[in-house]
Protein backbone atom coordinates (compact mmCIF):
# COMPACT_ATOMS: atom_id res chain seq x y z
CA MET A 1 0.61 16.05 20.93
CA ASN A 2 -2.59 14.16 20.25
CA THR A 3 -1.44 13.59 17.12
CA THR A 4 2.36 12.40 18.03
CA ILE A 5 0.66 9.60 20.83
CA SER A 6 -2.38 8.38 18.76
CA ALA A 7 0.87 8.03 15.87
CA ALA A 8 3.09 5.60 18.10
CA SER A 9 0.54 4.57 20.15
CA GLY A 10 -0.60 3.07 16.63
CA GLY A 11 3.08 1.85 15.36
CA LEU A 12 3.28 0.22 18.88
CA THR A 13 -0.05 -2.05 18.47
CA THR A 14 1.26 -3.58 15.38
CA PHE A 15 4.43 -3.93 15.68
CA LEU A 16 4.07 -5.79 19.01
CA LEU A 17 0.67 -7.84 17.12
CA THR A 18 3.15 -8.30 14.57
CA MET A 19 5.79 -10.25 16.86
CA TRP A 20 3.34 -11.66 19.06
CA VAL A 21 1.00 -13.54 15.91
CA GLU A 22 3.55 -14.11 13.11
CA LYS A 23 6.77 -14.35 15.35
CA HIS A 24 9.28 -11.80 13.83
CA GLU A 25 9.58 -7.75 13.88
CA GLN A 26 8.51 -5.70 11.10
CA VAL A 27 9.01 -2.05 10.02
CA GLY A 28 7.19 -2.06 7.31
CA ALA A 29 3.79 -2.68 9.83
CA LEU A 30 5.42 -0.04 12.65
CA CYS A 31 6.18 2.49 9.55
CA ASN A 32 1.94 1.51 8.33
CA GLY A 33 0.80 1.66 12.30
CA ILE A 34 2.00 5.69 12.91
CA LEU A 35 -0.32 6.06 9.91
CA ALA A 36 -2.78 4.29 10.86
CA GLY A 37 -2.93 6.03 14.35
CA LEU A 38 -2.53 9.74 12.26
CA VAL A 39 -4.95 8.68 10.56
CA GLY A 40 -7.34 7.68 13.09
CA ILE A 41 -6.68 10.75 15.19
CA THR A 42 -7.08 13.72 12.59
CA ALA A 43 -10.89 13.75 12.04
CA GLY A 44 -11.44 13.98 15.89
CA CYS A 45 -7.89 15.70 17.15
CA ASP A 46 -9.25 19.07 18.19
CA SER A 47 -11.79 17.31 20.89
CA ALA A 48 -9.34 14.03 21.99
CA ASP A 49 -7.80 14.06 25.08
CA GLU A 50 -4.38 12.37 25.67
CA TYR A 51 -6.12 9.21 27.26
CA TRP A 52 -8.62 9.19 24.25
CA SER A 53 -5.52 10.36 21.76
CA ILE A 54 -3.59 6.47 23.08
CA PHE A 55 -7.32 4.82 22.78
CA ILE A 56 -7.72 5.49 19.46
CA GLY A 57 -4.25 5.17 18.26
CA ILE A 58 -4.70 1.71 20.37
CA MET A 59 -8.10 0.82 17.66
CA SER A 60 -6.24 2.11 14.43
CA GLY A 61 -3.25 0.11 15.53
CA LEU A 62 -5.64 -2.68 15.75
CA ILE A 63 -7.89 -2.11 13.32
CA TYR A 64 -5.54 -1.48 9.93
CA TYR A 65 -4.00 -4.92 11.07
CA ILE A 66 -6.90 -6.89 10.43
CA ALA A 67 -8.14 -5.06 7.51
CA SER A 68 -4.73 -6.04 6.17
CA LYS A 69 -4.90 -9.48 6.44
CA ALA A 70 -8.80 -9.83 5.60
CA LEU A 71 -9.00 -7.82 2.54
CA PRO A 72 -6.04 -9.00 0.41
CA SER A 73 -7.93 -12.85 0.66
CA MET A 74 -11.65 -11.31 -0.35
CA SER A 75 -13.52 -11.45 -3.39
CA SER A 76 -16.88 -11.58 -4.82
CA ASP A 77 -19.05 -11.97 -8.20
CA LEU A 78 -20.95 -8.91 -9.23
CA GLY A 79 -21.64 -11.02 -12.24
CA PHE A 80 -20.88 -8.87 -15.00
CA MET A 81 -17.44 -8.18 -13.03
CA LYS A 82 -15.52 -10.75 -10.57
CA ILE A 83 -12.70 -9.21 -8.29
CA ASP A 84 -10.27 -11.36 -7.44
CA ARG A 85 -8.72 -9.63 -4.38
CA THR A 86 -7.82 -6.42 -3.60
CA ASP A 87 -4.95 -5.39 -6.13
CA ASP A 88 -3.10 -3.08 -2.89
CA PRO A 89 0.24 -4.09 -2.36
CA LEU A 90 0.39 -0.57 0.24
CA ASP A 91 -2.05 -1.06 2.15
CA ALA A 92 -3.38 2.21 1.37
CA VAL A 93 -7.25 1.02 2.15
CA ALA A 94 -6.14 -0.65 4.97
CA ILE A 95 -4.59 2.69 6.61
CA HIS A 96 -6.94 5.37 4.68
CA GLY A 97 -10.55 4.33 4.15
CA VAL A 98 -11.05 1.26 7.09
CA CYS A 99 -9.42 3.27 9.84
CA GLY A 100 -10.22 6.73 8.02
CA PHE A 101 -13.69 5.89 8.35
CA TRP A 102 -12.90 4.44 12.25
CA GLY A 103 -11.65 8.65 12.45
CA CYS A 104 -14.67 9.80 11.43
CA VAL A 105 -17.11 6.97 14.29
CA ALA A 106 -13.78 8.51 17.19
CA SER A 107 -14.01 11.95 16.13
CA GLY A 108 -17.69 11.87 16.92
CA LEU A 109 -16.85 9.94 20.01
CA THR A 110 -14.72 11.90 21.74
CA ARG A 111 -16.82 15.10 21.00
CA VAL A 112 -19.83 13.36 23.23
CA TYR A 113 -18.19 12.00 26.06
CA VAL A 114 -14.56 14.52 25.79
CA GLN A 115 -16.20 17.58 24.72
CA GLY A 116 -19.64 16.91 26.18
CA ASN A 117 -21.57 16.74 22.63
CA ASP A 118 -25.64 15.57 21.96
CA LEU A 119 -25.37 12.30 20.65
CA SER A 120 -27.07 13.40 17.63
CA VAL A 121 -23.35 14.46 16.68
CA LEU A 122 -21.58 11.02 16.80
CA SER A 123 -24.20 10.23 14.33
CA GLY A 124 -24.10 13.22 12.33
CA CYS A 125 -19.90 11.98 11.69
CA VAL A 126 -20.98 8.49 10.89
CA PHE A 127 -23.36 9.80 8.05
CA GLY A 128 -20.74 11.85 7.40
CA ALA A 129 -18.38 8.55 6.27
CA LEU A 130 -20.46 7.29 4.95
CA VAL A 131 -21.67 10.11 1.99
CA ILE A 132 -17.90 10.16 1.70
CA ILE A 133 -17.47 6.35 0.11
CA LEU A 134 -20.80 6.86 -1.36
CA TRP A 135 -19.04 9.98 -2.97
CA THR A 136 -15.72 8.14 -3.29
CA LEU A 137 -17.56 4.76 -5.26
CA ALA A 138 -19.83 7.37 -7.57
CA CYS A 139 -16.75 9.40 -9.43
CA SER A 140 -14.33 6.33 -8.63
CA THR A 141 -16.87 4.61 -11.71
CA LEU A 142 -17.12 7.28 -13.86
CA ILE A 143 -13.39 6.94 -14.34
CA PHE A 144 -12.29 3.69 -13.57
CA PHE A 145 -15.27 1.83 -15.05
CA PRO A 146 -14.34 3.63 -19.10
CA LEU A 147 -10.86 2.33 -18.14
CA TRP A 148 -11.84 -0.39 -17.40
CA LEU A 149 -14.36 -1.71 -20.31
CA SER A 150 -12.06 -0.38 -23.48
CA GLY A 151 -8.61 -2.24 -21.27
CA LEU A 152 -6.74 0.88 -19.89
CA LEU A 153 -6.81 -0.11 -16.36
CA ARG A 154 -4.45 -2.61 -15.87
CA VAL A 155 -1.01 -4.06 -17.77
CA SER A 156 -0.55 -6.90 -19.48
CA LYS A 157 -0.16 -9.71 -16.70
CA GLU A 158 2.92 -10.37 -17.89
CA ILE A 159 4.37 -6.61 -16.86
CA GLU A 160 2.66 -7.58 -13.20
CA GLU A 161 4.36 -10.32 -12.88
CA ARG A 162 8.38 -8.51 -14.24
CA GLY A 163 6.86 -6.01 -11.47
CA MET A 164 6.48 -2.65 -12.92
CA ASP A 165 8.95 -0.62 -11.17
CA GLU A 166 11.36 -2.45 -13.01
CA VAL A 167 9.28 -1.89 -17.08
CA TYR A 168 8.66 1.50 -15.80
CA HIS A 169 9.78 3.22 -13.78
CA GLY A 170 13.79 1.79 -14.37
CA GLY A 171 14.46 0.06 -10.39
CA LEU A 172 13.53 -2.09 -8.40
CA GLY A 173 11.22 -1.16 -5.95
CA TYR A 174 11.58 -3.97 -3.20
CA TYR A 175 13.79 -7.48 -3.30
CA ILE A 176 11.57 -9.86 -2.05
CA GLY A 177 14.96 -13.18 -1.73
CA GLU A 178 15.86 -14.85 -4.61
CA GLU A 179 12.69 -16.42 -5.87
CA GLY A 180 11.55 -12.73 -6.62
CA LEU A 181 13.58 -9.66 -7.80
CA GLY A 182 16.50 -10.26 -5.82
CA THR A 183 19.66 -12.28 -3.87
CA VAL A 184 20.72 -10.52 -0.71
CA THR A 185 23.64 -12.24 0.55
CA PRO A 186 24.04 -12.65 4.13
CA ASN A 187 27.38 -11.51 5.27
CA THR A 188 27.56 -9.19 2.87
CA HIS A 189 24.06 -8.02 3.60
CA LYS A 190 24.17 -7.10 -0.23
CA VAL A 191 21.72 -6.55 -3.19
CA ILE A 192 23.00 -8.45 -6.69
CA VAL A 193 20.27 -8.32 -9.31
CA ASN A 194 20.58 -10.24 -12.11
CA ARG A 195 17.36 -10.46 -14.24
CA GLU A 196 16.33 -9.85 -17.83
CA LEU A 197 13.71 -7.75 -18.98
CA ASP A 198 11.57 -6.59 -22.09
CA PHE A 199 10.79 -3.20 -22.63
CA GLU A 200 9.88 -1.01 -25.62
CA LYS A 201 12.27 1.66 -25.48
CA PRO A 202 15.45 2.08 -25.62
CA GLN A 203 17.52 3.29 -22.15
CA VAL A 204 20.89 3.94 -21.07
CA SER A 205 21.22 4.84 -16.96
CA ASN A 206 24.23 5.00 -14.84
CA PHE A 207 23.68 6.50 -10.93
CA GLY A 208 24.86 5.23 -8.18
CA ASN A 209 25.76 1.92 -7.73
CA ARG A 210 23.33 1.00 -10.18
CA ILE A 211 24.38 0.30 -13.72
CA ILE A 212 21.71 -0.26 -16.01
CA THR A 213 22.22 -0.82 -19.94
CA ILE A 214 19.53 -1.40 -22.55
CA LYS A 215 20.19 -3.63 -25.56
CA SER A 216 18.43 -3.92 -28.35
CA GLN A 217 17.57 -7.47 -29.91
CA GLU A 218 15.69 -7.58 -32.82
CA ASP A 219 13.72 -10.42 -34.20
CA LYS A 220 13.11 -11.38 -30.40
CA LYS A 221 9.76 -13.35 -29.53
CA ASP A 222 8.38 -13.18 -26.76
CA SER A 223 4.84 -12.98 -24.53
CA PHE A 224 4.66 -8.97 -24.63
CA GLY A 225 3.29 -10.09 -28.61
CA GLY A 226 6.70 -10.42 -30.64
CA GLY A 227 8.52 -7.84 -32.57
CA ASN A 228 11.30 -5.35 -31.80
CA ASN A 229 11.60 -5.38 -28.35
CA PHE A 230 14.65 -4.19 -26.01
CA ALA A 231 16.40 -6.23 -23.13
CA LYS A 232 17.91 -4.40 -19.75
CA LYS A 233 20.11 -6.59 -17.66
CA SER A 234 20.43 -5.04 -14.38
CA ASN A 235 23.11 -4.71 -11.52
CA PHE A 236 22.88 -4.77 -8.74
CA SER A 237 26.09 -4.47 -6.50
CA GLY A 238 27.74 -2.71 -3.55
CA SER A 239 24.42 -1.21 -1.74
CA ASN A 240 24.21 -1.67 1.34
CA PHE A 241 21.70 -1.48 3.30
């Protein structure tokens, strides 16, 4: 019950806050708010009561919304490496990182004010969260820093702009209007996509209403470095929302 209450509180908080601040509804904000509430209640689910579950969910929704707006605009210069914003399109850091830290603190609060434990339990929860952060940073640095030095950490900027969903996985992940990946017609709510993309391997796929054909184009020179590449033309029709 505590899990459900916190999830519902987090989802409603984020959804209503988005409507109030941004003047429109967002299903994505509702879903991520639910996830934030789930993350926030996990550590202290056994020690919280229904009122604390509501409070934890509301705080998780607020914390997620603030973090999701603040993190993408933050940048830092470490001297040897400049970090320009947070590359996190799924808000994983805001949900699992920031709300996860809040969940550890909330677990200590419920164990003190609901179960009646000593304040040392709260300090232990905060200390444990900090240890987890340091351990994660250390292990992540050992794995990702060599990949960054060798140039294997990221794909090329051209692939980023075209979208890895299409380049590597053969489909669109998001439909974001005429200036982006597709066009949504308001009358039929159908997605019509007509794009030319360059690929390294020829593929042919036909699933559902999605027809993907790739034809060889010899001697085509482009931003991928020239050579023999392949162009994919994706036609999306009849895909209803």
